[in-house]
Amino acid sequence: MEEIQISDGFYLLKTQNDGNDPQQYERHADSSYIQMHFCLKGSSKFNFNKGRYALEVNEEKALLLYNPQQDLPINLELEPKSWLISVLISIKKFHSLFSQEADYIHFLSEDNKDKKYYTNAPITPAMAVALSQIMNYHVHSSIKTLYLKGKIYELISLYFNKPEDADVEQCPFLIDEDNIRRIRKAKDIVIARMAEPPSLSELSEEIGLNLKKLKEGFKQVYGDSVYSFLFDYKMEYARKVLESGEHNVNEVALKVGYSTSSHFIAAFKKKFGTTPKKYLMSLTNS
């Protein structure tokens, strides 16, 4: 977890788990802070009351938390291959960002300002662009804080923007948003056809995005190449199907696109460090 203080009462947290095991992260956050958590990749879970209550934030989802009645310390469980960006901002700082015209932000109203507020919402394509720029940036260290401050302000404004009020003609992210939609479509296509995925050229043509933009955009949004992402997805899918006990190794191999079980076993071992059979035996023994 990398923590960057943007200003007084305003923090950015970048949390990455690129390993193969879940990771735990903890940070104190008192009741004066609004928490905004954006899951770019994978999945995460926030535990409360010593694990008796939990809120999940899955890929392309955003969780907003605010409870003026009690502290909400961050007790985060981040799944393997998962990225999370979090913004912690004091309610005092947050109020100063908005004018009286922002009445549609429910917990800013006079009636709700002292009430707890939790909401789980999808990450829009425009927000995805800002998030990927926050996660992957190349600027001189002297302007790092300024750059991130601008991007976080952009992210917050996009989060609270009313879609019906948005002026699409003037949207500076129109091209990027369109590309993001196409890249998400590409991800959905390769997952849906994981047993027989299209070539990159075929995929590029199907989503209407040139090959270079597909490769660069997919890496920026999902942190991996198309086929490396698909490999990880296929292996995780295979692992879950094996655990269900409803299919044998040969059947699972065919489901994820391997014509021979030996090739599937080699791929499974490359991903998890053990064969499917030994993996199932370890589950039985445990």
C-alpha atoms as a PDB file:
ATOM      1  CA  MET A   1       0.000   0.000   0.000  1.00  0.00           C
ATOM      2  CA  GLU A   2       1.476   3.303  -1.117  1.00  0.00           C
ATOM      3  CA  GLU A   3       0.108   6.349   0.712  1.00  0.00           C
ATOM      4  CA  ILE A   4       0.445   9.875  -0.675  1.00  0.00           C
ATOM      5  CA  GLN A   5      -0.766  12.944   1.221  1.00  0.00           C
ATOM      6  CA  ILE A   6      -2.332  15.337  -1.276  1.00  0.00           C
ATOM      7  CA  SER A   7      -3.062  18.037   1.292  1.00  0.00           C
ATOM      8  CA  ASP A   8      -4.264  18.379   4.864  1.00  0.00           C
ATOM      9  CA  GLY A   9      -7.082  15.849   5.409  1.00  0.00           C
ATOM     10  CA  PHE A  10      -6.727  14.433   1.885  1.00  0.00           C
ATOM     11  CA  TYR A  11      -4.940  11.141   1.093  1.00  0.00           C
ATOM     12  CA  LEU A  12      -4.453   8.800  -1.852  1.00  0.00           C
ATOM     13  CA  LEU A  13      -3.827   5.086  -1.246  1.00  0.00           C
ATOM     14  CA  LYS A  14      -2.649   2.815  -4.063  1.00  0.00           C
ATOM     15  CA  THR A  15      -2.873  -0.852  -3.095  1.00  0.00           C
ATOM     16  CA  GLN A  16      -1.621  -3.618  -5.386  1.00  0.00           C
ATOM     17  CA  ASN A  17      -1.463  -7.357  -4.878  1.00  0.00           C
ATOM     18  CA  ASP A  18       0.321  -8.871  -7.872  1.00  0.00           C
ATOM     19  CA  GLY A  19       1.046 -12.116  -6.002  1.00  0.00           C
ATOM     20  CA  ASN A  20      -0.827 -15.409  -5.889  1.00  0.00           C
ATOM     21  CA  ASP A  21      -2.167 -15.158  -2.320  1.00  0.00           C
ATOM     22  CA  PRO A  22      -4.671 -12.785  -0.664  1.00  0.00           C
ATOM     23  CA  GLN A  23      -3.054  -9.916   1.256  1.00  0.00           C
ATOM     24  CA  GLN A  24      -4.234  -7.978   4.306  1.00  0.00           C
ATOM     25  CA  TYR A  25      -3.814  -4.220   4.671  1.00  0.00           C
ATOM     26  CA  GLU A  26      -4.779  -2.070   7.628  1.00  0.00           C
ATOM     27  CA  ARG A  27      -4.933   1.676   8.168  1.00  0.00           C
ATOM     28  CA  HIS A  28      -6.651   3.836  10.746  1.00  0.00           C
ATOM     29  CA  ALA A  29      -9.435   6.104   9.475  1.00  0.00           C
ATOM     30  CA  ASP A  30     -11.563   8.056  11.930  1.00  0.00           C
ATOM     31  CA  SER A  31     -15.198   9.137  11.626  1.00  0.00           C
ATOM     32  CA  SER A  32     -14.337  12.520  10.094  1.00  0.00           C
ATOM     33  CA  TYR A  33     -13.263  10.912   6.801  1.00  0.00           C
ATOM     34  CA  ILE A  34     -15.161   9.946   3.685  1.00  0.00           C
ATOM     35  CA  GLN A  35     -13.662   6.862   2.064  1.00  0.00           C
ATOM     36  CA  MET A  36     -13.854   6.193  -1.669  1.00  0.00           C
ATOM     37  CA  HIS A  37     -12.494   2.853  -2.897  1.00  0.00           C
ATOM     38  CA  PHE A  38     -12.144   2.035  -6.596  1.00  0.00           C
ATOM     39  CA  CYS A  39     -11.367  -1.540  -7.672  1.00  0.00           C
ATOM     40  CA  LEU A  40      -9.552  -1.427 -11.016  1.00  0.00           C
ATOM     41  CA  LYS A  41      -8.790  -5.114 -11.192  1.00  0.00           C
ATOM     42  CA  GLY A  42      -9.669  -8.306  -9.305  1.00  0.00           C
ATOM     43  CA  SER A  43     -11.660  -8.027  -6.085  1.00  0.00           C
ATOM     44  CA  SER A  44     -11.354  -6.788  -2.525  1.00  0.00           C
ATOM     45  CA  LYS A  45     -13.187  -7.023   0.770  1.00  0.00           C
ATOM     46  CA  PHE A  46     -13.437  -4.579   3.676  1.00  0.00           C
ATOM     47  CA  ASN A  47     -13.922  -6.189   7.080  1.00  0.00           C
ATOM     48  CA  PHE A  48     -15.595  -4.423   9.998  1.00  0.00           C
ATOM     49  CA  ASN A  49     -16.274  -5.275  13.660  1.00  0.00           C
ATOM     50  CA  LYS A  50     -13.448  -7.845  13.779  1.00  0.00           C
ATOM     51  CA  GLY A  51     -14.649  -9.632  10.682  1.00  0.00           C
ATOM     52  CA  ARG A  52     -18.316  -9.936  11.687  1.00  0.00           C
ATOM     53  CA  TYR A  53     -19.373  -7.707   8.787  1.00  0.00           C
ATOM     54  CA  ALA A  54     -17.829  -7.263   5.358  1.00  0.00           C
ATOM     55  CA  LEU A  55     -18.364  -5.263   2.162  1.00  0.00           C
ATOM     56  CA  GLU A  56     -17.006  -6.532  -1.146  1.00  0.00           C
ATOM     57  CA  VAL A  57     -15.748  -4.308  -3.955  1.00  0.00           C
ATOM     58  CA  ASN A  58     -15.320  -6.158  -7.226  1.00  0.00           C
ATOM     59  CA  GLU A  59     -13.617  -5.184 -10.481  1.00  0.00           C
ATOM     60  CA  GLU A  60     -14.934  -1.960 -12.053  1.00  0.00           C
ATOM     61  CA  LYS A  61     -16.909  -1.077  -8.909  1.00  0.00           C
ATOM     62  CA  ALA A  62     -16.559   1.848  -6.492  1.00  0.00           C
ATOM     63  CA  LEU A  63     -17.454   1.859  -2.804  1.00  0.00           C
ATOM     64  CA  LEU A  64     -18.174   5.064  -0.864  1.00  0.00           C
ATOM     65  CA  LEU A  65     -18.223   4.921   2.947  1.00  0.00           C
ATOM     66  CA  TYR A  66     -19.045   7.616   5.458  1.00  0.00           C
ATOM     67  CA  ASN A  67     -20.179   7.204   9.038  1.00  0.00           C
ATOM     68  CA  PRO A  68     -19.925  10.259  11.338  1.00  0.00           C
ATOM     69  CA  GLN A  69     -21.122   8.147  14.285  1.00  0.00           C
ATOM     70  CA  GLN A  70     -18.119   5.815  14.458  1.00  0.00           C
ATOM     71  CA  ASP A  71     -14.609   5.267  13.096  1.00  0.00           C
ATOM     72  CA  LEU A  72     -14.263   3.027  10.056  1.00  0.00           C
ATOM     73  CA  PRO A  73     -10.661   1.748  10.161  1.00  0.00           C
ATOM     74  CA  ILE A  74      -9.535   0.150   6.925  1.00  0.00           C
ATOM     75  CA  ASN A  75      -9.178  -3.616   7.258  1.00  0.00           C
ATOM     76  CA  LEU A  76      -8.722  -4.648   3.656  1.00  0.00           C
ATOM     77  CA  GLU A  77      -8.371  -8.114   2.175  1.00  0.00           C
ATOM     78  CA  LEU A  78      -7.079  -7.852  -1.389  1.00  0.00           C
ATOM     79  CA  GLU A  79      -7.376 -10.899  -3.627  1.00  0.00           C
ATOM     80  CA  PRO A  80      -4.476 -12.004  -5.888  1.00  0.00           C
ATOM     81  CA  LYS A  81      -3.909  -9.944  -9.052  1.00  0.00           C
ATOM     82  CA  SER A  82      -6.003  -7.074  -7.677  1.00  0.00           C
ATOM     83  CA  TRP A  83      -5.528  -3.304  -7.743  1.00  0.00           C
ATOM     84  CA  LEU A  84      -7.378  -0.802  -5.583  1.00  0.00           C
ATOM     85  CA  ILE A  85      -7.199   2.995  -5.471  1.00  0.00           C
ATOM     86  CA  SER A  86      -8.603   4.691  -2.376  1.00  0.00           C
ATOM     87  CA  VAL A  87      -9.247   8.337  -1.578  1.00  0.00           C
ATOM     88  CA  LEU A  88      -9.607   9.451   2.042  1.00  0.00           C
ATOM     89  CA  ILE A  89     -10.890  12.978   2.447  1.00  0.00           C
ATOM     90  CA  SER A  90     -12.110  14.741   5.570  1.00  0.00           C
ATOM     91  CA  ILE A  91     -15.733  15.864   5.497  1.00  0.00           C
ATOM     92  CA  LYS A  92     -14.558  19.450   6.072  1.00  0.00           C
ATOM     93  CA  LYS A  93     -12.270  19.285   3.035  1.00  0.00           C
ATOM     94  CA  PHE A  94     -14.958  17.534   1.006  1.00  0.00           C
ATOM     95  CA  HIS A  95     -17.586  20.210   1.727  1.00  0.00           C
ATOM     96  CA  SER A  96     -15.155  22.890   0.555  1.00  0.00           C
ATOM     97  CA  LEU A  97     -14.973  21.257  -2.914  1.00  0.00           C
ATOM     98  CA  PHE A  98     -18.657  21.729  -3.721  1.00  0.00           C
ATOM     99  CA  SER A  99     -20.931  24.678  -4.163  1.00  0.00           C
ATOM    100  CA  GLN A 100     -24.548  24.950  -2.982  1.00  0.00           C
ATOM    101  CA  GLU A 101     -25.583  23.632  -6.387  1.00  0.00           C
ATOM    102  CA  ALA A 102     -24.422  20.136  -5.452  1.00  0.00           C
ATOM    103  CA  ASP A 103     -27.665  19.293  -3.626  1.00  0.00           C
ATOM    104  CA  TYR A 104     -27.927  15.949  -5.425  1.00  0.00           C
ATOM    105  CA  ILE A 105     -25.027  14.615  -3.329  1.00  0.00           C
ATOM    106  CA  HIS A 106     -27.325  13.120  -0.718  1.00  0.00           C
ATOM    107  CA  PHE A 107     -25.115  13.080   2.357  1.00  0.00           C
ATOM    108  CA  LEU A 108     -24.284  16.773   1.884  1.00  0.00           C
ATOM    109  CA  SER A 109     -27.883  17.768   2.541  1.00  0.00           C
ATOM    110  CA  GLU A 110     -28.856  19.270   5.895  1.00  0.00           C
ATOM    111  CA  ASP A 111     -31.022  16.244   6.742  1.00  0.00           C
ATOM    112  CA  ASN A 112     -28.338  13.657   6.001  1.00  0.00           C
ATOM    113  CA  LYS A 113     -25.057  15.322   6.880  1.00  0.00           C
ATOM    114  CA  ASP A 114     -24.830  13.465  10.215  1.00  0.00           C
ATOM    115  CA  LYS A 115     -26.057  10.101   8.918  1.00  0.00           C
ATOM    116  CA  LYS A 116     -23.949   7.192   7.709  1.00  0.00           C
ATOM    117  CA  TYR A 117     -23.804   6.663   3.955  1.00  0.00           C
ATOM    118  CA  TYR A 118     -22.627   3.575   2.052  1.00  0.00           C
ATOM    119  CA  THR A 119     -22.994   3.048  -1.675  1.00  0.00           C
ATOM    120  CA  ASN A 120     -21.553   0.646  -4.247  1.00  0.00           C
ATOM    121  CA  ALA A 121     -21.592   1.956  -7.821  1.00  0.00           C
ATOM    122  CA  PRO A 122     -20.056   1.022 -11.194  1.00  0.00           C
ATOM    123  CA  ILE A 123     -16.890   2.736 -12.402  1.00  0.00           C
ATOM    124  CA  THR A 124     -17.750   4.669 -15.559  1.00  0.00           C
ATOM    125  CA  PRO A 125     -15.422   4.637 -18.587  1.00  0.00           C
ATOM    126  CA  ALA A 126     -14.385   8.240 -17.862  1.00  0.00           C
ATOM    127  CA  MET A 127     -13.522   7.316 -14.260  1.00  0.00           C
ATOM    128  CA  ALA A 128     -11.591   4.281 -15.536  1.00  0.00           C
ATOM    129  CA  VAL A 129      -9.421   6.590 -17.649  1.00  0.00           C
ATOM    130  CA  ALA A 130      -8.605   8.818 -14.644  1.00  0.00           C
ATOM    131  CA  LEU A 131      -7.949   5.775 -12.422  1.00  0.00           C
ATOM    132  CA  SER A 132      -5.546   4.192 -14.899  1.00  0.00           C
ATOM    133  CA  GLN A 133      -3.705   7.529 -15.117  1.00  0.00           C
ATOM    134  CA  ILE A 134      -3.439   7.632 -11.324  1.00  0.00           C
ATOM    135  CA  MET A 135      -2.155   4.054 -11.211  1.00  0.00           C
ATOM    136  CA  ASN A 136       0.281   4.411 -14.119  1.00  0.00           C
ATOM    137  CA  TYR A 137       1.822   7.871 -14.497  1.00  0.00           C
ATOM    138  CA  HIS A 138       5.171   9.146 -15.756  1.00  0.00           C
ATOM    139  CA  VAL A 139       5.828  12.619 -14.430  1.00  0.00           C
ATOM    140  CA  HIS A 140       8.801  14.301 -12.781  1.00  0.00           C
ATOM    141  CA  SER A 141       8.902  13.824  -9.014  1.00  0.00           C
ATOM    142  CA  SER A 142       8.698  17.601  -8.508  1.00  0.00           C
ATOM    143  CA  ILE A 143       5.136  17.716  -9.910  1.00  0.00           C
ATOM    144  CA  LYS A 144       3.926  14.286  -8.732  1.00  0.00           C
ATOM    145  CA  THR A 145       1.679  15.642  -5.965  1.00  0.00           C
ATOM    146  CA  LEU A 146       0.254  18.362  -8.208  1.00  0.00           C
ATOM    147  CA  TYR A 147      -0.468  15.846 -10.975  1.00  0.00           C
ATOM    148  CA  LEU A 148      -2.177  13.397  -8.611  1.00  0.00           C
ATOM    149  CA  LYS A 149      -4.163  16.168  -6.932  1.00  0.00           C
ATOM    150  CA  GLY A 150      -5.564  17.215 -10.316  1.00  0.00           C
ATOM    151  CA  LYS A 151      -6.405  13.629 -11.246  1.00  0.00           C
ATOM    152  CA  ILE A 152      -8.151  12.948  -7.931  1.00  0.00           C
ATOM    153  CA  TYR A 153     -10.225  16.120  -8.258  1.00  0.00           C
ATOM    154  CA  GLU A 154     -11.145  14.926 -11.748  1.00  0.00           C
ATOM    155  CA  LEU A 155     -12.048  11.477 -10.398  1.00  0.00           C
ATOM    156  CA  ILE A 156     -14.270  12.884  -7.633  1.00  0.00           C
ATOM    157  CA  SER A 157     -16.054  15.229 -10.035  1.00  0.00           C
ATOM    158  CA  LEU A 158     -16.704  12.342 -12.468  1.00  0.00           C
ATOM    159  CA  TYR A 159     -17.996  10.169  -9.621  1.00  0.00           C
ATOM    160  CA  PHE A 160     -20.590  12.774  -8.622  1.00  0.00           C
ATOM    161  CA  ASN A 161     -21.389  13.995 -12.114  1.00  0.00           C
ATOM    162  CA  LYS A 162     -25.046  13.715 -13.169  1.00  0.00           C
ATOM    163  CA  PRO A 163     -25.108  11.742 -16.436  1.00  0.00           C
ATOM    164  CA  GLU A 164     -28.178  13.638 -17.678  1.00  0.00           C
ATOM    165  CA  ASP A 165     -26.332  16.926 -17.187  1.00  0.00           C
ATOM    166  CA  ALA A 166     -23.131  15.868 -18.943  1.00  0.00           C
ATOM    167  CA  ASP A 167     -22.284  17.746 -22.117  1.00  0.00           C
ATOM    168  CA  VAL A 168     -20.957  14.943 -24.307  1.00  0.00           C
ATOM    169  CA  GLU A 169     -19.965  17.376 -27.060  1.00  0.00           C
ATOM    170  CA  GLN A 170     -17.563  19.130 -24.712  1.00  0.00           C
ATOM    171  CA  CYS A 171     -16.287  15.999 -22.928  1.00  0.00           C
ATOM    172  CA  PRO A 172     -12.484  15.957 -23.248  1.00  0.00           C
ATOM    173  CA  PHE A 173     -12.474  12.206 -22.545  1.00  0.00           C
ATOM    174  CA  LEU A 174     -14.859  11.241 -25.339  1.00  0.00           C
ATOM    175  CA  ILE A 175     -12.195   9.428 -27.371  1.00  0.00           C
ATOM    176  CA  ASP A 176     -10.720   7.775 -24.311  1.00  0.00           C
ATOM    177  CA  GLU A 177     -14.153   6.734 -23.056  1.00  0.00           C
ATOM    178  CA  ASP A 178     -14.942   5.141 -26.394  1.00  0.00           C
ATOM    179  CA  ASN A 179     -11.643   3.275 -26.338  1.00  0.00           C
ATOM    180  CA  ILE A 180     -12.288   2.076 -22.795  1.00  0.00           C
ATOM    181  CA  ARG A 181     -15.695   0.700 -23.820  1.00  0.00           C
ATOM    182  CA  ARG A 182     -14.090  -1.145 -26.727  1.00  0.00           C
ATOM    183  CA  ILE A 183     -11.356  -2.573 -24.501  1.00  0.00           C
ATOM    184  CA  ARG A 184     -13.950  -3.772 -21.984  1.00  0.00           C
ATOM    185  CA  LYS A 185     -15.783  -5.381 -24.892  1.00  0.00           C
ATOM    186  CA  ALA A 186     -12.536  -7.100 -25.883  1.00  0.00           C
ATOM    187  CA  LYS A 187     -12.190  -8.476 -22.358  1.00  0.00           C
ATOM    188  CA  ASP A 188     -15.774  -9.775 -22.428  1.00  0.00           C
ATOM    189  CA  ILE A 189     -15.195 -11.404 -25.830  1.00  0.00           C
ATOM    190  CA  VAL A 190     -12.054 -13.331 -24.853  1.00  0.00           C
ATOM    191  CA  ILE A 191     -13.674 -14.498 -21.610  1.00  0.00           C
ATOM    192  CA  ALA A 192     -16.852 -15.626 -23.372  1.00  0.00           C
ATOM    193  CA  ARG A 193     -14.794 -17.521 -25.961  1.00  0.00           C
ATOM    194  CA  MET A 194     -11.910 -18.618 -23.765  1.00  0.00           C
ATOM    195  CA  ALA A 195     -11.943 -22.161 -25.194  1.00  0.00           C
ATOM    196  CA  GLU A 196     -11.364 -20.760 -28.705  1.00  0.00           C
ATOM    197  CA  PRO A 197     -10.345 -17.091 -28.334  1.00  0.00           C
ATOM    198  CA  PRO A 198      -9.949 -14.901 -31.413  1.00  0.00           C
ATOM    199  CA  SER A 199      -6.520 -13.791 -32.558  1.00  0.00           C
ATOM    200  CA  LEU A 200      -5.469 -10.256 -31.652  1.00  0.00           C
ATOM    201  CA  SER A 201      -6.081  -9.176 -35.236  1.00  0.00           C
ATOM    202  CA  GLU A 202      -9.586 -10.675 -35.214  1.00  0.00           C
ATOM    203  CA  LEU A 203     -10.288  -9.125 -31.820  1.00  0.00           C
ATOM    204  CA  SER A 204      -9.023  -5.747 -33.008  1.00  0.00           C
ATOM    205  CA  GLU A 205     -11.330  -5.883 -36.010  1.00  0.00           C
ATOM    206  CA  GLU A 206     -14.329  -7.030 -33.995  1.00  0.00           C
ATOM    207  CA  ILE A 207     -14.152  -4.190 -31.474  1.00  0.00           C
ATOM    208  CA  GLY A 208     -13.194  -1.571 -34.075  1.00  0.00           C
ATOM    209  CA  LEU A 209      -9.902  -0.549 -32.478  1.00  0.00           C
ATOM    210  CA  ASN A 210      -6.514  -0.769 -34.164  1.00  0.00           C
ATOM    211  CA  LEU A 211      -4.069  -3.379 -32.906  1.00  0.00           C
ATOM    212  CA  LYS A 212      -1.686  -0.923 -31.236  1.00  0.00           C
ATOM    213  CA  LYS A 213      -4.466   0.811 -29.274  1.00  0.00           C
ATOM    214  CA  LEU A 214      -5.923  -2.560 -28.284  1.00  0.00           C
ATOM    215  CA  LYS A 215      -2.583  -3.768 -26.901  1.00  0.00           C
ATOM    216  CA  GLU A 216      -1.701  -0.506 -25.135  1.00  0.00           C
ATOM    217  CA  GLY A 217      -5.219   0.139 -23.863  1.00  0.00           C
ATOM    218  CA  PHE A 218      -5.731  -3.382 -22.508  1.00  0.00           C
ATOM    219  CA  LYS A 219      -2.424  -3.198 -20.653  1.00  0.00           C
ATOM    220  CA  GLN A 220      -3.349   0.195 -19.186  1.00  0.00           C
ATOM    221  CA  VAL A 221      -6.854  -0.803 -18.057  1.00  0.00           C
ATOM    222  CA  TYR A 222      -6.193  -4.374 -16.893  1.00  0.00           C
ATOM    223  CA  GLY A 223      -2.484  -4.230 -16.131  1.00  0.00           C
ATOM    224  CA  ASP A 224      -1.651  -7.153 -18.418  1.00  0.00           C
ATOM    225  CA  SER A 225      -1.568  -8.228 -22.049  1.00  0.00           C
ATOM    226  CA  VAL A 226      -4.730  -9.754 -23.531  1.00  0.00           C
ATOM    227  CA  TYR A 227      -3.520 -13.345 -23.506  1.00  0.00           C
ATOM    228  CA  SER A 228      -1.708 -13.117 -20.180  1.00  0.00           C
ATOM    229  CA  PHE A 229      -4.949 -11.775 -18.662  1.00  0.00           C
ATOM    230  CA  LEU A 230      -6.889 -14.591 -20.345  1.00  0.00           C
ATOM    231  CA  PHE A 231      -4.430 -17.224 -19.098  1.00  0.00           C
ATOM    232  CA  ASP A 232      -4.871 -16.068 -15.494  1.00  0.00           C
ATOM    233  CA  TYR A 233      -8.646 -15.968 -15.918  1.00  0.00           C
ATOM    234  CA  LYS A 234      -8.748 -19.478 -17.441  1.00  0.00           C
ATOM    235  CA  MET A 235      -6.635 -20.951 -14.653  1.00  0.00           C
ATOM    236  CA  GLU A 236      -8.754 -19.324 -11.927  1.00  0.00           C
ATOM    237  CA  TYR A 237     -11.907 -20.551 -13.676  1.00  0.00           C
ATOM    238  CA  ALA A 238     -10.438 -24.058 -13.990  1.00  0.00           C
ATOM    239  CA  ARG A 239      -9.476 -24.094 -10.319  1.00  0.00           C
ATOM    240  CA  LYS A 240     -13.008 -23.200  -9.231  1.00  0.00           C
ATOM    241  CA  VAL A 241     -14.580 -25.790 -11.556  1.00  0.00           C
ATOM    242  CA  LEU A 242     -12.233 -28.484 -10.203  1.00  0.00           C
ATOM    243  CA  GLU A 243     -13.108 -27.518  -6.640  1.00  0.00           C
ATOM    244  CA  SER A 244     -16.811 -27.999  -7.408  1.00  0.00           C
ATOM    245  CA  GLY A 245     -16.158 -31.683  -8.096  1.00  0.00           C
ATOM    246  CA  GLU A 246     -18.594 -31.700 -11.009  1.00  0.00           C
ATOM    247  CA  HIS A 247     -16.001 -32.252 -13.746  1.00  0.00           C
ATOM    248  CA  ASN A 248     -12.822 -34.303 -14.101  1.00  0.00           C
ATOM    249  CA  VAL A 249      -9.473 -32.935 -15.296  1.00  0.00           C
ATOM    250  CA  ASN A 250     -10.081 -33.862 -18.961  1.00  0.00           C
ATOM    251  CA  GLU A 251     -13.456 -32.097 -18.983  1.00  0.00           C
ATOM    252  CA  VAL A 252     -12.048 -28.972 -17.337  1.00  0.00           C
ATOM    253  CA  ALA A 253      -9.159 -28.931 -19.822  1.00  0.00           C
ATOM    254  CA  LEU A 254     -11.620 -28.873 -22.731  1.00  0.00           C
ATOM    255  CA  LYS A 255     -13.732 -26.172 -21.063  1.00  0.00           C
ATOM    256  CA  VAL A 256     -10.791 -23.778 -20.953  1.00  0.00           C
ATOM    257  CA  GLY A 257      -9.464 -24.599 -24.415  1.00  0.00           C
ATOM    258  CA  TYR A 258      -6.834 -27.321 -24.001  1.00  0.00           C
ATOM    259  CA  SER A 259      -7.136 -30.214 -26.465  1.00  0.00           C
ATOM    260  CA  THR A 260      -5.011 -32.477 -24.282  1.00  0.00           C
ATOM    261  CA  SER A 261      -5.028 -32.856 -20.522  1.00  0.00           C
ATOM    262  CA  SER A 262      -1.210 -32.884 -20.426  1.00  0.00           C
ATOM    263  CA  HIS A 263      -1.052 -29.325 -21.799  1.00  0.00           C
ATOM    264  CA  PHE A 264      -3.685 -28.219 -19.273  1.00  0.00           C
ATOM    265  CA  ILE A 265      -1.815 -29.873 -16.388  1.00  0.00           C
ATOM    266  CA  ALA A 266       1.410 -28.113 -17.432  1.00  0.00           C
ATOM    267  CA  ALA A 267      -0.417 -24.749 -17.594  1.00  0.00           C
ATOM    268  CA  PHE A 268      -2.086 -25.327 -14.199  1.00  0.00           C
ATOM    269  CA  LYS A 269       1.284 -26.182 -12.653  1.00  0.00           C
ATOM    270  CA  LYS A 270       2.835 -23.059 -14.167  1.00  0.00           C
ATOM    271  CA  LYS A 271       0.109 -20.927 -12.572  1.00  0.00           C
ATOM    272  CA  PHE A 272      -0.304 -22.601  -9.165  1.00  0.00           C
ATOM    273  CA  GLY A 273       2.939 -24.547  -8.704  1.00  0.00           C
ATOM    274  CA  THR A 274       1.169 -27.901  -8.434  1.00  0.00           C
ATOM    275  CA  THR A 275      -0.832 -30.289 -10.617  1.00  0.00           C
ATOM    276  CA  PRO A 276      -4.673 -30.344 -10.570  1.00  0.00           C
ATOM    277  CA  LYS A 277      -4.648 -33.762  -8.919  1.00  0.00           C
ATOM    278  CA  LYS A 278      -2.269 -32.709  -6.137  1.00  0.00           C
ATOM    279  CA  TYR A 279      -4.226 -29.489  -5.682  1.00  0.00           C
ATOM    280  CA  LEU A 280      -7.486 -31.423  -5.156  1.00  0.00           C
ATOM    281  CA  MET A 281      -5.712 -33.836  -2.797  1.00  0.00           C
ATOM    282  CA  SER A 282      -4.468 -30.910  -0.707  1.00  0.00           C
ATOM    283  CA  LEU A 283      -8.051 -29.615  -0.428  1.00  0.00           C
ATOM    284  CA  THR A 284      -9.278 -33.038   0.672  1.00  0.00           C
ATOM    285  CA  ASN A 285      -6.510 -33.372   3.271  1.00  0.00           C
ATOM    286  CA  SER A 286      -7.131 -29.902   4.668  1.00  0.00           C
END
